[in-house]
Each structure stands twice: as C-alpha cells, then as structure tokens.
All heavy atoms as atom14 arrays in JSON, in Angstrom:
{
  "sequence": "AVCYLWQYAPTWAWWLMNRMGKRRIQNFKSGV",
  "atom14_mask": [
    [1, 1, 1, 1, 1, 0, 0, 0, 0, 0, 0, 0, 0, 0],
    [1, 1, 1, 1, 1, 1, 1, 0, 0, 0, 0, 0, 0, 0],
    [1, 1, 1, 1, 1, 1, 0, 0, 0, 0, 0, 0, 0, 0],
    [1, 1, 1, 1, 1, 1, 1, 1, 1, 1, 1, 1, 0, 0],
    [1, 1, 1, 1, 1, 1, 1, 1, 0, 0, 0, 0, 0, 0],
    [1, 1, 1, 1, 1, 1, 1, 1, 1, 1, 1, 1, 1, 1],
    [1, 1, 1, 1, 1, 1, 1, 1, 1, 0, 0, 0, 0, 0],
    [1, 1, 1, 1, 1, 1, 1, 1, 1, 1, 1, 1, 0, 0],
    [1, 1, 1, 1, 1, 0, 0, 0, 0, 0, 0, 0, 0, 0],
    [1, 1, 1, 1, 1, 1, 1, 0, 0, 0, 0, 0, 0, 0],
    [1, 1, 1, 1, 1, 1, 1, 0, 0, 0, 0, 0, 0, 0],
    [1, 1, 1, 1, 1, 1, 1, 1, 1, 1, 1, 1, 1, 1],
    [1, 1, 1, 1, 1, 0, 0, 0, 0, 0, 0, 0, 0, 0],
    [1, 1, 1, 1, 1, 1, 1, 1, 1, 1, 1, 1, 1, 1],
    [1, 1, 1, 1, 1, 1, 1, 1, 1, 1, 1, 1, 1, 1],
    [1, 1, 1, 1, 1, 1, 1, 1, 0, 0, 0, 0, 0, 0],
    [1, 1, 1, 1, 1, 1, 1, 1, 0, 0, 0, 0, 0, 0],
    [1, 1, 1, 1, 1, 1, 1, 1, 0, 0, 0, 0, 0, 0],
    [1, 1, 1, 1, 1, 1, 1, 1, 1, 1, 1, 0, 0, 0],
    [1, 1, 1, 1, 1, 1, 1, 1, 0, 0, 0, 0, 0, 0],
    [1, 1, 1, 1, 0, 0, 0, 0, 0, 0, 0, 0, 0, 0],
    [1, 1, 1, 1, 1, 1, 1, 1, 1, 0, 0, 0, 0, 0],
    [1, 1, 1, 1, 1, 1, 1, 1, 1, 1, 1, 0, 0, 0],
    [1, 1, 1, 1, 1, 1, 1, 1, 1, 1, 1, 0, 0, 0],
    [1, 1, 1, 1, 1, 1, 1, 1, 0, 0, 0, 0, 0, 0],
    [1, 1, 1, 1, 1, 1, 1, 1, 1, 0, 0, 0, 0, 0],
    [1, 1, 1, 1, 1, 1, 1, 1, 0, 0, 0, 0, 0, 0],
    [1, 1, 1, 1, 1, 1, 1, 1, 1, 1, 1, 0, 0, 0],
    [1, 1, 1, 1, 1, 1, 1, 1, 1, 0, 0, 0, 0, 0],
    [1, 1, 1, 1, 1, 1, 0, 0, 0, 0, 0, 0, 0, 0],
    [1, 1, 1, 1, 0, 0, 0, 0, 0, 0, 0, 0, 0, 0],
    [1, 1, 1, 1, 1, 1, 1, 0, 0, 0, 0, 0, 0, 0]
  ],
  "atom14_positions": [
    [[-6.76, -8.85, -7.74], [-7.21, -8.26, -6.5], [-8.5, -7.46, -6.76], [-9.45, -7.55, -6.09], [-6.16, -7.48, -5.76], [0.0, 0.0, 0.0], [0.0, 0.0, 0.0], [0.0, 0.0, 0.0], [0.0, 0.0, 0.0], [0.0, 0.0, 0.0], [0.0, 0.0, 0.0], [0.0, 0.0, 0.0], [0.0, 0.0, 0.0], [0.0, 0.0, 0.0]],
    [[-8.47, -6.71, -7.84], [-9.69, -6.01, -8.26], [-10.78, -6.77, -8.49], [-11.98, -6.39, -8.2], [-9.32, -5.0, -9.39], [-10.52, -4.2, -10.0], [-8.16, -4.04, -9.17], [0.0, 0.0, 0.0], [0.0, 0.0, 0.0], [0.0, 0.0, 0.0], [0.0, 0.0, 0.0], [0.0, 0.0, 0.0], [0.0, 0.0, 0.0], [0.0, 0.0, 0.0]],
    [[-10.6, -7.97, -9.14], [-11.71, -8.86, -9.34], [-12.37, -9.23, -8.04], [-13.63, -9.21, -7.94], [-11.24, -10.06, -10.07], [-10.59, -9.79, -11.74], [0.0, 0.0, 0.0], [0.0, 0.0, 0.0], [0.0, 0.0, 0.0], [0.0, 0.0, 0.0], [0.0, 0.0, 0.0], [0.0, 0.0, 0.0], [0.0, 0.0, 0.0], [0.0, 0.0, 0.0]],
    [[-11.7, -9.65, -7.1], [-12.12, -9.98, -5.84], [-12.87, -8.79, -5.1], [-13.95, -8.97, -4.5], [-11.01, -10.5, -4.82], [-10.73, -11.95, -5.04], [-9.6, -12.25, -5.95], [-11.46, -13.04, -4.63], [-9.19, -13.49, -6.21], [-11.09, -14.34, -4.94], [-9.97, -14.7, -5.69], [-9.69, -15.99, -5.95], [0.0, 0.0, 0.0], [0.0, 0.0, 0.0]],
    [[-12.25, -7.65, -5.32], [-12.83, -6.4, -4.67], [-14.22, -6.17, -5.35], [-15.31, -5.89, -4.7], [-11.91, -5.24, -4.93], [-12.29, -4.09, -4.14], [-12.11, -4.12, -2.52], [-11.4, -2.82, -4.55], [0.0, 0.0, 0.0], [0.0, 0.0, 0.0], [0.0, 0.0, 0.0], [0.0, 0.0, 0.0], [0.0, 0.0, 0.0], [0.0, 0.0, 0.0]],
    [[-14.28, -6.36, -6.6], [-15.62, -6.13, -7.42], [-16.59, -7.16, -7.0], [-17.83, -6.73, -6.99], [-15.31, -6.31, -8.92], [-16.23, -5.68, -9.71], [-17.49, -6.22, -10.17], [-16.32, -4.33, -10.4], [-18.19, -5.33, -11.0], [-17.57, -4.21, -11.06], [-15.51, -3.21, -10.28], [-17.93, -2.99, -11.65], [-15.83, -2.11, -10.9], [-16.97, -1.99, -11.67]],
    [[-16.19, -8.35, -6.64], [-17.0, -9.45, -6.33], [-17.53, -9.25, -4.88], [-18.83, -9.39, -4.67], [-16.38, -10.79, -6.48], [-17.25, -11.96, -6.17], [-18.08, -12.44, -7.31], [-18.06, -11.85, -8.4], [-19.04, -13.31, -7.18], [0.0, 0.0, 0.0], [0.0, 0.0, 0.0], [0.0, 0.0, 0.0], [0.0, 0.0, 0.0], [0.0, 0.0, 0.0]],
    [[-16.68, -8.85, -3.9], [-17.17, -8.92, -2.5], [-17.34, -7.64, -1.91], [-17.91, -7.39, -0.79], [-16.16, -9.65, -1.74], [-15.94, -11.2, -2.2], [-14.82, -11.63, -2.91], [-17.08, -12.09, -2.01], [-14.73, -12.92, -3.3], [-16.95, -13.35, -2.39], [-15.82, -13.8, -3.1], [-15.75, -15.06, -3.45], [0.0, 0.0, 0.0], [0.0, 0.0, 0.0]],
    [[-16.72, -6.63, -2.47], [-16.93, -5.18, -1.87], [-17.17, -4.29, -3.15], [-16.39, -3.32, -3.35], [-15.72, -4.73, -1.15], [0.0, 0.0, 0.0], [0.0, 0.0, 0.0], [0.0, 0.0, 0.0], [0.0, 0.0, 0.0], [0.0, 0.0, 0.0], [0.0, 0.0, 0.0], [0.0, 0.0, 0.0], [0.0, 0.0, 0.0], [0.0, 0.0, 0.0]],
    [[-18.33, -4.35, -3.83], [-18.6, -3.54, -5.03], [-18.57, -2.02, -4.86], [-18.07, -1.28, -5.8], [-19.94, -4.0, -5.49], [-20.51, -4.69, -4.24], [-19.49, -5.23, -3.39], [0.0, 0.0, 0.0], [0.0, 0.0, 0.0], [0.0, 0.0, 0.0], [0.0, 0.0, 0.0], [0.0, 0.0, 0.0], [0.0, 0.0, 0.0], [0.0, 0.0, 0.0]],
    [[-18.97, -1.55, -3.6], [-18.86, -0.14, -3.52], [-17.42, 0.49, -3.63], [-17.14, 1.41, -4.27], [-19.64, 0.32, -2.14], [-20.82, -0.22, -2.14], [-19.54, 1.87, -2.0], [0.0, 0.0, 0.0], [0.0, 0.0, 0.0], [0.0, 0.0, 0.0], [0.0, 0.0, 0.0], [0.0, 0.0, 0.0], [0.0, 0.0, 0.0], [0.0, 0.0, 0.0]],
    [[-16.56, -0.23, -2.85], [-15.18, 0.13, -2.89], [-14.55, -0.04, -4.4], [-13.84, 0.8, -4.78], [-14.37, -0.76, -1.97], [-14.53, -0.46, -0.6], [-15.36, 0.53, -0.01], [-13.89, -1.07, 0.48], [-15.32, 0.5, 1.37], [-14.38, -0.49, 1.7], [-13.0, -2.16, 0.65], [-13.98, -0.86, 3.04], [-12.48, -2.49, 1.92], [-13.02, -1.84, 3.1]],
    [[-15.08, -1.12, -5.12], [-14.58, -1.28, -6.36], [-14.96, -0.25, -7.27], [-14.17, 0.34, -8.28], [-15.08, -2.62, -6.87], [0.0, 0.0, 0.0], [0.0, 0.0, 0.0], [0.0, 0.0, 0.0], [0.0, 0.0, 0.0], [0.0, 0.0, 0.0], [0.0, 0.0, 0.0], [0.0, 0.0, 0.0], [0.0, 0.0, 0.0], [0.0, 0.0, 0.0]],
    [[-16.29, 0.27, -7.22], [-16.7, 1.4, -8.02], [-15.9, 2.62, -7.77], [-15.54, 3.45, -8.68], [-18.25, 1.69, -7.69], [-19.15, 0.55, -8.22], [-18.96, -0.24, -9.26], [-20.26, 0.13, -7.64], [-19.93, -1.2, -9.43], [-20.89, -0.86, -8.34], [-21.08, 0.59, -6.57], [-22.06, -1.47, -8.1], [-22.26, 0.01, -6.24], [-22.59, -1.02, -7.0]],
    [[-15.52, 2.89, -6.55], [-14.72, 4.05, -6.09], [-13.38, 4.0, -6.72], [-12.84, 4.91, -7.42], [-14.55, 4.04, -4.58], [-13.67, 5.25, -4.02], [-13.99, 6.52, -3.98], [-12.32, 5.1, -3.83], [-12.9, 7.19, -3.64], [-11.83, 6.31, -3.33], [-11.45, 3.98, -3.7], [-10.62, 6.64, -3.02], [-10.09, 4.27, -3.3], [-9.72, 5.55, -2.99]],
    [[-12.8, 2.82, -6.64], [-11.49, 2.58, -7.18], [-11.4, 2.61, -8.73], [-10.59, 3.26, -9.29], [-10.84, 1.22, -6.85], [-9.5, 0.89, -7.3], [-8.53, 1.78, -6.81], [-9.19, -0.62, -6.9], [0.0, 0.0, 0.0], [0.0, 0.0, 0.0], [0.0, 0.0, 0.0], [0.0, 0.0, 0.0], [0.0, 0.0, 0.0], [0.0, 0.0, 0.0]],
    [[-12.48, 2.05, -9.28], [-12.53, 2.1, -10.8], [-12.74, 3.52, -11.31], [-12.2, 3.87, -12.44], [-13.62, 1.17, -11.29], [-13.63, 0.87, -12.79], [-12.08, 0.05, -13.43], [-12.27, -1.59, -12.52], [0.0, 0.0, 0.0], [0.0, 0.0, 0.0], [0.0, 0.0, 0.0], [0.0, 0.0, 0.0], [0.0, 0.0, 0.0], [0.0, 0.0, 0.0]],
    [[-13.47, 4.3, -10.7], [-13.73, 5.72, -10.95], [-12.38, 6.46, -10.97], [-12.14, 7.23, -11.96], [-14.64, 6.4, -10.04], [-16.09, 6.07, -10.32], [-16.45, 5.44, -11.43], [-17.0, 6.09, -9.31], [0.0, 0.0, 0.0], [0.0, 0.0, 0.0], [0.0, 0.0, 0.0], [0.0, 0.0, 0.0], [0.0, 0.0, 0.0], [0.0, 0.0, 0.0]],
    [[-11.52, 6.16, -10.05], [-10.21, 6.83, -9.87], [-9.35, 6.38, -10.95], [-8.7, 7.15, -11.72], [-9.58, 6.64, -8.54], [-10.34, 7.35, -7.46], [-9.63, 6.92, -6.09], [-8.34, 7.6, -6.04], [-8.04, 8.86, -5.68], [-8.95, 9.76, -5.25], [-6.68, 9.15, -5.63], [0.0, 0.0, 0.0], [0.0, 0.0, 0.0], [0.0, 0.0, 0.0]],
    [[-9.22, 5.01, -11.21], [-8.34, 4.46, -12.23], [-8.96, 4.85, -13.57], [-8.14, 5.03, -14.51], [-8.45, 2.9, -11.99], [-7.64, 2.5, -10.69], [-7.84, 0.7, -10.52], [-7.0, 0.07, -11.99], [0.0, 0.0, 0.0], [0.0, 0.0, 0.0], [0.0, 0.0, 0.0], [0.0, 0.0, 0.0], [0.0, 0.0, 0.0], [0.0, 0.0, 0.0]],
    [[-10.3, 4.73, -13.77], [-10.83, 4.99, -15.04], [-10.55, 6.41, -15.49], [-10.3, 6.68, -16.71], [0.0, 0.0, 0.0], [0.0, 0.0, 0.0], [0.0, 0.0, 0.0], [0.0, 0.0, 0.0], [0.0, 0.0, 0.0], [0.0, 0.0, 0.0], [0.0, 0.0, 0.0], [0.0, 0.0, 0.0], [0.0, 0.0, 0.0], [0.0, 0.0, 0.0]],
    [[-10.55, 7.39, -14.61], [-10.29, 8.83, -15.04], [-8.97, 8.91, -15.55], [-8.64, 9.55, -16.61], [-10.47, 9.77, -13.75], [-10.38, 11.21, -14.19], [-10.66, 12.03, -12.88], [-10.56, 13.57, -13.2], [-10.87, 14.33, -11.95], [0.0, 0.0, 0.0], [0.0, 0.0, 0.0], [0.0, 0.0, 0.0], [0.0, 0.0, 0.0], [0.0, 0.0, 0.0]],
    [[-8.02, 8.39, -15.01], [-6.59, 8.32, -15.46], [-6.44, 7.62, -16.73], [-5.78, 8.01, -17.68], [-5.56, 7.79, -14.41], [-4.14, 7.88, -14.72], [-3.26, 6.93, -13.88], [-3.66, 7.25, -12.48], [-3.35, 6.32, -11.5], [-2.63, 5.24, -11.72], [-3.69, 6.58, -10.19], [0.0, 0.0, 0.0], [0.0, 0.0, 0.0], [0.0, 0.0, 0.0]],
    [[-7.13, 6.43, -16.95], [-7.11, 5.68, -18.14], [-7.64, 6.49, -19.36], [-7.15, 6.48, -20.52], [-7.88, 4.46, -17.96], [-7.91, 3.46, -19.14], [-8.79, 2.19, -18.66], [-9.05, 1.28, -19.79], [-8.15, 0.35, -20.32], [-7.05, 0.19, -19.72], [-8.61, -0.39, -21.21], [0.0, 0.0, 0.0], [0.0, 0.0, 0.0], [0.0, 0.0, 0.0]],
    [[-8.73, 7.23, -19.01], [-9.33, 8.06, -20.17], [-8.38, 9.22, -20.5], [-8.3, 9.54, -21.72], [-10.7, 8.58, -19.61], [-11.75, 7.33, -19.6], [-11.21, 9.6, -20.64], [-13.08, 7.78, -18.89], [0.0, 0.0, 0.0], [0.0, 0.0, 0.0], [0.0, 0.0, 0.0], [0.0, 0.0, 0.0], [0.0, 0.0, 0.0], [0.0, 0.0, 0.0]],
    [[-7.79, 9.86, -19.53], [-6.86, 10.79, -19.86], [-5.69, 10.43, -20.72], [-5.24, 11.07, -21.64], [-6.3, 11.43, -18.43], [-7.37, 12.35, -17.76], [-6.87, 12.76, -16.27], [-5.9, 12.16, -15.8], [-7.46, 13.74, -15.81], [0.0, 0.0, 0.0], [0.0, 0.0, 0.0], [0.0, 0.0, 0.0], [0.0, 0.0, 0.0], [0.0, 0.0, 0.0]],
    [[-5.19, 9.2, -20.28], [-4.07, 8.66, -21.08], [-4.46, 8.35, -22.56], [-3.85, 8.57, -23.47], [-3.51, 7.32, -20.43], [-2.83, 7.54, -19.14], [-2.26, 8.7, -19.01], [-2.72, 6.62, -18.31], [0.0, 0.0, 0.0], [0.0, 0.0, 0.0], [0.0, 0.0, 0.0], [0.0, 0.0, 0.0], [0.0, 0.0, 0.0], [0.0, 0.0, 0.0]],
    [[-5.75, 7.88, -22.72], [-6.36, 7.43, -24.03], [-6.39, 8.68, -24.88], [-6.05, 8.67, -25.93], [-7.67, 6.76, -23.86], [-8.36, 6.5, -25.11], [-8.05, 5.53, -25.89], [-9.48, 7.33, -25.46], [-8.55, 5.23, -27.08], [-10.14, 7.08, -26.62], [-9.72, 5.96, -27.48], [0.0, 0.0, 0.0], [0.0, 0.0, 0.0], [0.0, 0.0, 0.0]],
    [[-6.92, 9.74, -24.33], [-7.14, 11.04, -25.12], [-5.81, 11.63, -25.42], [-5.75, 12.33, -26.43], [-7.93, 11.98, -24.16], [-9.41, 11.66, -24.11], [-10.18, 12.76, -23.26], [-11.68, 12.38, -23.28], [-12.55, 13.38, -22.41], [0.0, 0.0, 0.0], [0.0, 0.0, 0.0], [0.0, 0.0, 0.0], [0.0, 0.0, 0.0], [0.0, 0.0, 0.0]],
    [[-4.92, 11.39, -24.67], [-3.44, 11.99, -24.95], [-2.67, 11.05, -25.78], [-1.46, 11.42, -26.1], [-2.71, 12.29, -23.74], [-2.4, 11.15, -22.86], [0.0, 0.0, 0.0], [0.0, 0.0, 0.0], [0.0, 0.0, 0.0], [0.0, 0.0, 0.0], [0.0, 0.0, 0.0], [0.0, 0.0, 0.0], [0.0, 0.0, 0.0], [0.0, 0.0, 0.0]],
    [[-3.23, 9.88, -26.18], [-2.48, 9.02, -27.15], [-1.54, 8.09, -26.48], [-0.66, 7.32, -27.11], [0.0, 0.0, 0.0], [0.0, 0.0, 0.0], [0.0, 0.0, 0.0], [0.0, 0.0, 0.0], [0.0, 0.0, 0.0], [0.0, 0.0, 0.0], [0.0, 0.0, 0.0], [0.0, 0.0, 0.0], [0.0, 0.0, 0.0], [0.0, 0.0, 0.0]],
    [[-1.62, 7.94, -25.09], [-0.65, 6.92, -24.43], [-1.31, 5.6, -24.37], [-2.41, 5.42, -24.13], [-0.47, 7.42, -22.94], [0.34, 6.41, -22.18], [0.12, 8.81, -22.94], [0.0, 0.0, 0.0], [0.0, 0.0, 0.0], [0.0, 0.0, 0.0], [0.0, 0.0, 0.0], [0.0, 0.0, 0.0], [0.0, 0.0, 0.0], [0.0, 0.0, 0.0]]
  ]
}
C-alpha cells in the first residue's frame, strides 16, 4: 500500500515516511 501511495500521492507518502522513519531510526539507535 505504501508503494501505491508513493507512486500516486507522493506528498502523503513523504509525510507518512517521515513519521515511520523517525520511529525506525529511534529503534535502530536503541538496538531494536
């Protein structure tokens, strides 16, 4: 679903990826 969002609604995809990415980076830094 994220692929389709990135393809057809990139502004929404950037917003979503920023939110998901922040959590992903926090997990990475904490060793998860």
